[in-house]
């Protein structure tokens, strides 16, 4: 399946719930050294906003159509890019993700994933996250799949916390 068809299918699987339109980010809890090192938040608080449920994204070709079968790093970057593109189409970005589940085939990819995730979330506001190692994917050559939830236009933020 071509990249545009995959993005269209993913967008079709994205479920939207509209509840507000403020332009703030969610409130990301837990800024301990360990959590920053591993690029995750133990909890994210949101109130209002539009909730976007992102279907699992995979990639065996990059945005230029180049074959990236078996290339973990290229697939991870392409998948994050696909998630960002879906969210930008809804007026947000990758920075609006509040949680993600990451599936990888090889546990040796875990530390590299953390480094890439730090690049993808430079603010240090990392989504809540689970990292799961699996035995295989639906198609040969896939190394990673990421699904998640984003909130766009939330009332909570670091500047205006909802946890207090």
N, C-alpha and C. Protein backbone atom coordinates (compact mmCIF):
# COMPACT_ATOMS: atom_id res chain seq x y z
N UNK A 1 0.85 -1.18 0.00
CA UNK A 1 0.00 0.00 0.00
C UNK A 1 0.90 1.24 0.00
N UNK A 2 0.59 2.20 -0.79
CA UNK A 2 1.38 3.43 -0.87
C UNK A 2 1.19 4.27 0.38
N UNK A 3 2.15 5.13 0.64
CA UNK A 3 2.16 5.98 1.84
C UNK A 3 0.89 6.83 1.95
N UNK A 4 0.45 7.48 0.87
CA UNK A 4 -0.75 8.31 0.93
C UNK A 4 -1.98 7.48 1.28
N UNK A 5 -2.05 6.26 0.76
CA UNK A 5 -3.17 5.39 1.07
C UNK A 5 -3.13 5.00 2.54
N UNK A 6 -1.94 4.74 3.07
CA UNK A 6 -1.81 4.42 4.50
C UNK A 6 -2.24 5.60 5.36
N UNK A 7 -1.80 6.79 4.99
CA UNK A 7 -2.18 7.97 5.77
C UNK A 7 -3.68 8.19 5.71
N UNK A 8 -4.29 7.99 4.53
CA UNK A 8 -5.74 8.15 4.39
C UNK A 8 -6.48 7.12 5.22
N UNK A 9 -6.00 5.88 5.20
CA UNK A 9 -6.63 4.83 5.99
C UNK A 9 -6.51 5.13 7.48
N UNK A 10 -5.34 5.60 7.90
CA UNK A 10 -5.15 5.94 9.31
C UNK A 10 -6.06 7.08 9.72
N UNK A 11 -6.19 8.08 8.84
CA UNK A 11 -7.06 9.20 9.15
C UNK A 11 -8.51 8.74 9.25
N UNK A 12 -8.89 7.81 8.40
CA UNK A 12 -10.26 7.28 8.44
C UNK A 12 -10.50 6.52 9.74
N UNK A 13 -9.47 5.90 10.29
CA UNK A 13 -9.62 5.15 11.54
C UNK A 13 -9.52 6.04 12.76
N UNK A 14 -9.10 7.29 12.58
CA UNK A 14 -8.98 8.22 13.69
C UNK A 14 -10.37 8.63 14.16
N UNK A 15 -10.63 8.50 15.46
CA UNK A 15 -11.92 8.86 16.02
C UNK A 15 -11.80 10.22 16.68
N UNK A 16 -12.71 11.14 16.36
CA UNK A 16 -12.66 12.48 16.91
C UNK A 16 -13.84 12.71 17.83
N UNK A 17 -13.59 13.39 18.96
CA UNK A 17 -14.66 13.82 19.85
C UNK A 17 -14.41 15.29 20.15
N UNK A 18 -15.32 16.17 19.79
CA UNK A 18 -15.14 17.60 19.97
C UNK A 18 -15.82 18.05 21.25
N UNK A 19 -15.00 18.70 22.14
CA UNK A 19 -15.56 19.19 23.39
C UNK A 19 -15.11 20.59 23.74
N UNK A 20 -14.19 21.20 22.98
CA UNK A 20 -13.70 22.54 23.31
C UNK A 20 -12.73 23.03 22.27
N UNK A 21 -12.23 24.27 22.45
CA UNK A 21 -11.34 24.80 21.42
C UNK A 21 -10.23 25.68 21.96
N UNK A 22 -9.93 25.63 23.27
CA UNK A 22 -8.82 26.42 23.80
C UNK A 22 -7.52 25.94 23.18
N UNK A 23 -6.53 26.82 23.06
CA UNK A 23 -5.29 26.49 22.35
C UNK A 23 -4.14 26.15 23.29
N UNK A 24 -4.41 25.54 24.41
CA UNK A 24 -3.36 25.20 25.37
C UNK A 24 -2.98 23.73 25.23
N UNK A 25 -1.83 23.39 25.78
CA UNK A 25 -1.41 21.99 25.84
C UNK A 25 -1.97 21.37 27.10
N UNK A 26 -1.90 20.06 27.21
CA UNK A 26 -2.30 19.37 28.42
C UNK A 26 -1.24 19.59 29.49
N UNK A 27 -1.55 19.15 30.70
CA UNK A 27 -0.60 19.26 31.81
C UNK A 27 0.14 17.93 31.96
N UNK A 28 1.44 17.97 31.79
CA UNK A 28 2.27 16.77 31.83
C UNK A 28 2.91 16.66 33.21
N UNK A 29 2.55 15.63 33.97
CA UNK A 29 3.07 15.45 35.32
C UNK A 29 4.38 14.67 35.29
N UNK A 30 5.13 14.81 36.37
CA UNK A 30 6.32 14.00 36.54
C UNK A 30 7.49 14.44 35.70
N UNK A 31 8.32 15.25 36.25
CA UNK A 31 9.51 15.71 35.53
C UNK A 31 10.77 15.22 36.25
N UNK A 32 10.68 14.00 36.83
CA UNK A 32 11.85 13.47 37.52
C UNK A 32 12.96 13.20 36.52
N UNK A 33 14.17 13.09 37.02
CA UNK A 33 15.32 12.83 36.15
C UNK A 33 15.12 11.54 35.37
N UNK A 34 14.64 10.48 36.04
CA UNK A 34 14.42 9.20 35.36
C UNK A 34 13.39 9.33 34.25
N UNK A 35 12.30 10.03 34.52
CA UNK A 35 11.25 10.19 33.52
C UNK A 35 11.75 11.00 32.32
N UNK A 36 12.56 12.01 32.56
CA UNK A 36 13.14 12.79 31.47
C UNK A 36 14.15 11.93 30.69
N UNK A 37 14.94 11.12 31.39
CA UNK A 37 15.90 10.25 30.71
C UNK A 37 15.21 9.25 29.81
N UNK A 38 14.07 8.72 30.26
CA UNK A 38 13.35 7.70 29.50
C UNK A 38 12.26 8.28 28.60
N UNK A 39 12.09 9.61 28.62
CA UNK A 39 11.18 10.33 27.72
C UNK A 39 9.72 9.89 27.85
N UNK A 40 9.21 9.91 29.09
CA UNK A 40 7.80 9.61 29.31
C UNK A 40 7.28 10.41 30.49
N UNK A 41 5.97 10.61 30.52
CA UNK A 41 5.29 11.20 31.67
C UNK A 41 4.47 10.11 32.33
N UNK A 42 4.46 10.05 33.66
CA UNK A 42 3.65 9.02 34.32
C UNK A 42 2.16 9.31 34.23
N UNK A 43 1.81 10.57 34.00
CA UNK A 43 0.40 10.95 33.85
C UNK A 43 0.31 12.27 33.10
N UNK A 44 -0.79 12.43 32.37
CA UNK A 44 -1.07 13.66 31.66
C UNK A 44 -2.51 14.02 31.98
N UNK A 45 -2.72 15.27 32.39
CA UNK A 45 -4.06 15.73 32.75
C UNK A 45 -4.59 16.63 31.65
N UNK A 46 -5.81 16.37 31.23
CA UNK A 46 -6.46 17.23 30.24
C UNK A 46 -7.90 17.46 30.67
N UNK A 47 -8.43 18.57 30.21
CA UNK A 47 -9.83 18.91 30.45
C UNK A 47 -10.31 19.68 29.23
N UNK A 48 -11.33 19.17 28.59
CA UNK A 48 -11.81 19.82 27.38
C UNK A 48 -10.96 19.44 26.19
N UNK A 49 -11.07 20.18 25.14
CA UNK A 49 -10.31 19.91 23.93
C UNK A 49 -10.94 18.81 23.09
N UNK A 50 -10.34 18.58 21.93
CA UNK A 50 -10.77 17.49 21.05
C UNK A 50 -9.85 16.32 21.28
N UNK A 51 -10.42 15.15 21.46
CA UNK A 51 -9.65 13.93 21.68
C UNK A 51 -9.52 13.21 20.36
N UNK A 52 -8.30 12.87 20.01
CA UNK A 52 -8.04 12.16 18.76
C UNK A 52 -7.40 10.81 19.11
N UNK A 53 -8.09 9.77 18.77
CA UNK A 53 -7.63 8.40 19.00
C UNK A 53 -6.91 7.95 17.74
N UNK A 54 -5.61 7.79 17.82
CA UNK A 54 -4.78 7.47 16.66
C UNK A 54 -4.61 5.97 16.49
N UNK A 55 -4.97 5.48 15.33
CA UNK A 55 -4.76 4.06 15.01
C UNK A 55 -3.27 3.77 14.97
N UNK A 56 -2.90 2.52 15.18
CA UNK A 56 -1.50 2.12 15.10
C UNK A 56 -0.92 2.44 13.74
N UNK A 57 0.25 3.04 13.74
CA UNK A 57 0.95 3.44 12.51
C UNK A 57 2.21 2.59 12.35
N UNK A 58 2.43 2.11 11.14
CA UNK A 58 3.65 1.38 10.79
C UNK A 58 4.16 1.96 9.48
N UNK A 59 5.35 1.54 9.09
CA UNK A 59 5.90 2.01 7.81
C UNK A 59 6.97 1.05 7.33
N UNK A 60 6.92 0.72 6.04
CA UNK A 60 8.02 -0.02 5.41
C UNK A 60 8.60 0.76 4.23
N UNK A 61 7.99 1.96 3.98
CA UNK A 61 8.57 2.91 3.03
C UNK A 61 8.53 4.28 3.69
N UNK A 62 9.52 5.12 3.41
CA UNK A 62 9.55 6.45 4.00
C UNK A 62 8.70 7.42 3.19
N UNK A 63 8.70 8.68 3.58
CA UNK A 63 7.86 9.69 2.93
C UNK A 63 8.26 9.94 1.47
N UNK A 64 9.46 9.50 1.08
CA UNK A 64 9.91 9.64 -0.31
C UNK A 64 9.72 8.35 -1.12
N UNK A 65 9.11 7.35 -0.48
CA UNK A 65 8.89 6.08 -1.17
C UNK A 65 10.05 5.11 -1.09
N UNK A 66 11.09 5.46 -0.34
CA UNK A 66 12.26 4.59 -0.19
C UNK A 66 11.92 3.41 0.73
N UNK A 67 12.36 2.22 0.34
CA UNK A 67 12.13 1.02 1.14
C UNK A 67 12.92 1.10 2.45
N UNK A 68 12.22 1.00 3.57
CA UNK A 68 12.88 1.02 4.89
C UNK A 68 12.58 -0.27 5.66
N UNK A 69 12.26 -1.33 4.92
CA UNK A 69 12.00 -2.63 5.52
C UNK A 69 13.18 -3.03 6.41
N UNK A 70 12.89 -3.40 7.65
CA UNK A 70 13.92 -3.86 8.57
C UNK A 70 14.76 -2.76 9.19
N UNK A 71 14.52 -1.50 8.87
CA UNK A 71 15.32 -0.38 9.37
C UNK A 71 14.55 0.30 10.51
N UNK A 72 14.86 -0.07 11.75
CA UNK A 72 14.12 0.43 12.90
C UNK A 72 14.09 1.95 12.98
N UNK A 73 15.25 2.57 12.91
CA UNK A 73 15.32 4.02 13.08
C UNK A 73 14.51 4.75 12.00
N UNK A 74 14.67 4.35 10.76
CA UNK A 74 13.92 5.00 9.67
C UNK A 74 12.42 4.79 9.86
N UNK A 75 12.02 3.60 10.28
CA UNK A 75 10.60 3.33 10.51
C UNK A 75 10.07 4.17 11.66
N UNK A 76 10.83 4.27 12.75
CA UNK A 76 10.38 5.06 13.90
C UNK A 76 10.17 6.52 13.49
N UNK A 77 11.12 7.08 12.79
CA UNK A 77 11.00 8.49 12.37
C UNK A 77 9.83 8.68 11.39
N UNK A 78 9.63 7.72 10.50
CA UNK A 78 8.53 7.80 9.55
C UNK A 78 7.18 7.69 10.27
N UNK A 79 7.10 6.81 11.23
CA UNK A 79 5.85 6.64 11.99
C UNK A 79 5.55 7.91 12.79
N UNK A 80 6.53 8.47 13.47
CA UNK A 80 6.30 9.73 14.19
C UNK A 80 5.86 10.82 13.21
N UNK A 81 6.47 10.85 12.03
CA UNK A 81 6.07 11.82 11.02
C UNK A 81 4.63 11.62 10.56
N UNK A 82 4.22 10.38 10.40
CA UNK A 82 2.83 10.09 9.99
C UNK A 82 1.85 10.53 11.07
N UNK A 83 2.17 10.27 12.34
CA UNK A 83 1.31 10.71 13.43
C UNK A 83 1.20 12.23 13.44
N UNK A 84 2.34 12.90 13.27
CA UNK A 84 2.35 14.36 13.25
C UNK A 84 1.50 14.90 12.11
N UNK A 85 1.59 14.27 10.94
CA UNK A 85 0.82 14.71 9.77
C UNK A 85 -0.68 14.57 10.03
N UNK A 86 -1.09 13.46 10.62
CA UNK A 86 -2.51 13.26 10.95
C UNK A 86 -2.97 14.36 11.90
N UNK A 87 -2.17 14.62 12.94
CA UNK A 87 -2.55 15.62 13.94
C UNK A 87 -2.53 17.03 13.35
N UNK A 88 -1.60 17.33 12.49
CA UNK A 88 -1.58 18.65 11.84
C UNK A 88 -2.83 18.85 10.99
N UNK A 89 -3.33 17.78 10.41
CA UNK A 89 -4.56 17.85 9.64
C UNK A 89 -5.77 18.17 10.51
N UNK A 90 -5.62 18.04 11.81
CA UNK A 90 -6.69 18.32 12.75
C UNK A 90 -6.40 19.58 13.57
N UNK A 91 -5.37 20.34 13.17
CA UNK A 91 -5.05 21.59 13.85
C UNK A 91 -4.11 21.44 15.03
N UNK A 92 -3.47 20.29 15.17
CA UNK A 92 -2.54 20.06 16.26
C UNK A 92 -1.19 19.63 15.73
N UNK A 93 -0.49 18.85 16.53
CA UNK A 93 0.80 18.28 16.12
C UNK A 93 1.13 17.13 17.06
N UNK A 94 2.26 16.53 16.82
CA UNK A 94 2.74 15.45 17.68
C UNK A 94 2.80 15.90 19.14
N UNK A 95 3.03 17.20 19.36
CA UNK A 95 3.15 17.74 20.71
C UNK A 95 1.84 17.65 21.50
N UNK A 96 0.74 17.33 20.83
CA UNK A 96 -0.55 17.19 21.50
C UNK A 96 -0.82 15.77 21.98
N UNK A 97 0.11 14.85 21.73
CA UNK A 97 -0.11 13.48 22.19
C UNK A 97 -0.04 13.43 23.71
N UNK A 98 -1.00 12.72 24.30
CA UNK A 98 -1.03 12.59 25.76
C UNK A 98 -0.67 11.17 26.20
N UNK A 99 -0.82 10.21 25.30
CA UNK A 99 -0.37 8.85 25.60
C UNK A 99 -0.08 8.12 24.30
N UNK A 100 0.83 7.15 24.39
CA UNK A 100 1.14 6.32 23.23
C UNK A 100 1.51 4.92 23.70
N UNK A 101 1.20 3.96 22.88
CA UNK A 101 1.66 2.59 23.09
C UNK A 101 2.56 2.26 21.91
N UNK A 102 3.77 1.84 22.22
CA UNK A 102 4.77 1.53 21.20
C UNK A 102 5.04 0.04 21.23
N UNK A 103 4.93 -0.59 20.07
CA UNK A 103 5.23 -2.01 19.93
C UNK A 103 6.50 -2.13 19.11
N UNK A 104 7.48 -2.91 19.62
CA UNK A 104 8.72 -3.15 18.89
C UNK A 104 9.01 -4.65 18.88
N UNK A 105 9.74 -5.09 17.85
CA UNK A 105 10.08 -6.52 17.74
C UNK A 105 11.29 -6.90 18.57
N UNK A 106 12.21 -6.00 18.75
CA UNK A 106 13.48 -6.34 19.38
C UNK A 106 13.71 -5.42 20.58
N UNK A 107 13.86 -5.98 21.78
CA UNK A 107 14.06 -5.12 22.95
C UNK A 107 15.32 -4.27 22.88
N UNK A 108 16.25 -4.64 22.03
CA UNK A 108 17.46 -3.82 21.88
C UNK A 108 17.15 -2.47 21.27
N UNK A 109 15.97 -2.29 20.65
CA UNK A 109 15.56 -1.01 20.08
C UNK A 109 15.04 -0.04 21.13
N UNK A 110 14.80 -0.50 22.35
CA UNK A 110 14.19 0.35 23.38
C UNK A 110 14.95 1.63 23.65
N UNK A 111 16.26 1.54 23.87
CA UNK A 111 17.04 2.74 24.16
C UNK A 111 17.09 3.69 22.96
N UNK A 112 17.15 3.14 21.76
CA UNK A 112 17.15 4.01 20.56
C UNK A 112 15.80 4.72 20.43
N UNK A 113 14.72 4.01 20.74
CA UNK A 113 13.40 4.63 20.71
C UNK A 113 13.35 5.82 21.67
N UNK A 114 13.89 5.65 22.87
CA UNK A 114 13.89 6.74 23.85
C UNK A 114 14.62 7.96 23.28
N UNK A 115 15.75 7.77 22.64
CA UNK A 115 16.50 8.89 22.06
C UNK A 115 15.70 9.58 20.96
N UNK A 116 15.05 8.80 20.11
CA UNK A 116 14.24 9.39 19.04
C UNK A 116 13.05 10.12 19.63
N UNK A 117 12.43 9.54 20.66
CA UNK A 117 11.27 10.19 21.29
C UNK A 117 11.68 11.53 21.91
N UNK A 118 12.87 11.61 22.50
CA UNK A 118 13.36 12.88 23.04
C UNK A 118 13.45 13.94 21.95
N UNK A 119 13.90 13.53 20.76
CA UNK A 119 13.97 14.46 19.63
C UNK A 119 12.58 14.90 19.19
N UNK A 120 11.63 13.99 19.22
CA UNK A 120 10.27 14.29 18.74
C UNK A 120 9.49 15.18 19.71
N UNK A 121 9.87 15.18 20.99
CA UNK A 121 9.20 15.98 22.01
C UNK A 121 10.22 16.87 22.71
N UNK A 122 10.78 17.86 22.00
CA UNK A 122 11.88 18.67 22.54
C UNK A 122 11.49 19.50 23.76
N UNK A 123 10.20 19.74 23.97
CA UNK A 123 9.76 20.53 25.13
C UNK A 123 9.94 19.77 26.44
N UNK A 124 10.11 18.45 26.35
CA UNK A 124 10.18 17.64 27.56
C UNK A 124 8.81 17.25 28.08
N UNK A 125 7.74 17.68 27.41
CA UNK A 125 6.38 17.26 27.74
C UNK A 125 6.10 15.96 26.98
N UNK A 126 6.48 14.85 27.60
CA UNK A 126 6.36 13.55 26.95
C UNK A 126 5.00 12.94 27.25
N UNK A 127 4.45 12.22 26.28
CA UNK A 127 3.19 11.51 26.53
C UNK A 127 3.40 10.41 27.57
N UNK A 128 2.31 10.02 28.23
CA UNK A 128 2.36 8.78 28.99
C UNK A 128 2.66 7.70 27.96
N UNK A 129 3.38 6.66 28.34
CA UNK A 129 3.81 5.72 27.32
C UNK A 129 3.97 4.32 27.87
N UNK A 130 3.67 3.36 27.01
CA UNK A 130 3.99 1.96 27.29
C UNK A 130 4.83 1.46 26.11
N UNK A 131 5.83 0.67 26.42
CA UNK A 131 6.69 0.06 25.40
C UNK A 131 6.54 -1.44 25.53
N UNK A 132 6.08 -2.09 24.46
CA UNK A 132 5.79 -3.51 24.48
C UNK A 132 6.62 -4.21 23.41
N UNK A 133 7.30 -5.27 23.79
CA UNK A 133 8.04 -6.07 22.83
C UNK A 133 7.14 -7.23 22.39
N UNK A 134 7.05 -7.42 21.07
CA UNK A 134 6.20 -8.47 20.52
C UNK A 134 7.04 -9.41 19.66
N UNK A 135 6.49 -10.56 19.30
CA UNK A 135 7.26 -11.52 18.51
C UNK A 135 7.27 -11.18 17.03
N UNK A 136 6.21 -10.52 16.53
CA UNK A 136 6.18 -10.20 15.11
C UNK A 136 5.04 -9.25 14.80
N UNK A 137 5.04 -8.70 13.60
CA UNK A 137 3.98 -7.83 13.09
C UNK A 137 3.24 -8.55 11.97
N UNK A 138 2.19 -7.90 11.48
CA UNK A 138 1.35 -8.49 10.44
C UNK A 138 2.08 -8.67 9.12
N UNK A 139 3.10 -7.83 8.86
CA UNK A 139 3.85 -7.92 7.61
C UNK A 139 5.34 -8.04 7.91
N UNK A 140 6.04 -8.85 7.14
CA UNK A 140 7.49 -8.98 7.32
C UNK A 140 8.19 -7.64 7.14
N UNK A 141 9.25 -7.42 7.91
CA UNK A 141 10.06 -6.21 7.78
C UNK A 141 9.63 -5.06 8.65
N UNK A 142 8.44 -5.14 9.26
CA UNK A 142 8.01 -4.08 10.19
C UNK A 142 8.75 -4.25 11.50
N UNK A 143 9.21 -3.13 12.06
CA UNK A 143 9.98 -3.16 13.30
C UNK A 143 9.29 -2.42 14.44
N UNK A 144 8.32 -1.54 14.13
CA UNK A 144 7.70 -0.69 15.15
C UNK A 144 6.28 -0.33 14.73
N UNK A 145 5.41 -0.19 15.72
CA UNK A 145 4.07 0.35 15.52
C UNK A 145 3.77 1.25 16.71
N UNK A 146 3.17 2.41 16.43
CA UNK A 146 2.81 3.35 17.50
C UNK A 146 1.34 3.72 17.33
N UNK A 147 0.59 3.60 18.43
CA UNK A 147 -0.77 4.11 18.47
C UNK A 147 -0.85 5.08 19.64
N UNK A 148 -1.84 5.96 19.64
CA UNK A 148 -1.89 6.91 20.74
C UNK A 148 -3.17 7.71 20.79
N UNK A 149 -3.16 8.64 21.72
CA UNK A 149 -4.27 9.56 21.92
C UNK A 149 -3.67 10.96 22.03
N UNK A 150 -4.31 11.92 21.37
CA UNK A 150 -3.90 13.32 21.45
C UNK A 150 -5.10 14.15 21.87
N UNK A 151 -4.81 15.29 22.52
CA UNK A 151 -5.86 16.23 22.91
C UNK A 151 -5.46 17.59 22.36
N UNK A 152 -6.32 18.16 21.53
CA UNK A 152 -6.04 19.46 20.91
C UNK A 152 -7.00 20.49 21.50
N UNK A 153 -6.45 21.63 21.94
CA UNK A 153 -7.28 22.70 22.50
C UNK A 153 -7.68 22.43 23.93
N UNK A 154 -6.78 21.89 24.71
CA UNK A 154 -7.06 21.54 26.10
C UNK A 154 -7.05 22.77 26.99
N UNK A 155 -7.74 22.69 28.12
CA UNK A 155 -7.76 23.79 29.11
C UNK A 155 -6.59 23.73 30.06
N UNK A 156 -5.96 22.57 30.24
CA UNK A 156 -4.85 22.40 31.19
C UNK A 156 -3.52 22.68 30.52
N UNK A 157 -2.57 23.17 31.28
CA UNK A 157 -1.20 23.37 30.78
C UNK A 157 -0.28 23.47 31.98
N UNK A 158 1.03 23.50 31.72
CA UNK A 158 1.98 23.70 32.81
C UNK A 158 1.75 25.06 33.47
N UNK A 159 1.38 26.05 32.65
CA UNK A 159 1.14 27.41 33.17
C UNK A 159 -0.20 27.51 33.91
N UNK A 160 -1.16 26.67 33.52
CA UNK A 160 -2.49 26.69 34.14
C UNK A 160 -2.88 25.23 34.49
N UNK A 161 -2.24 24.69 35.54
CA UNK A 161 -2.47 23.28 35.87
C UNK A 161 -3.89 22.99 36.35
N UNK A 162 -4.37 21.83 35.99
CA UNK A 162 -5.69 21.36 36.43
C UNK A 162 -5.55 20.41 37.62
N UNK A 163 -4.34 20.07 37.98
CA UNK A 163 -4.12 19.10 39.07
C UNK A 163 -4.18 19.72 40.46
N UNK A 164 -4.29 21.03 40.54
CA UNK A 164 -4.29 21.68 41.85
C UNK A 164 -5.67 22.17 42.19
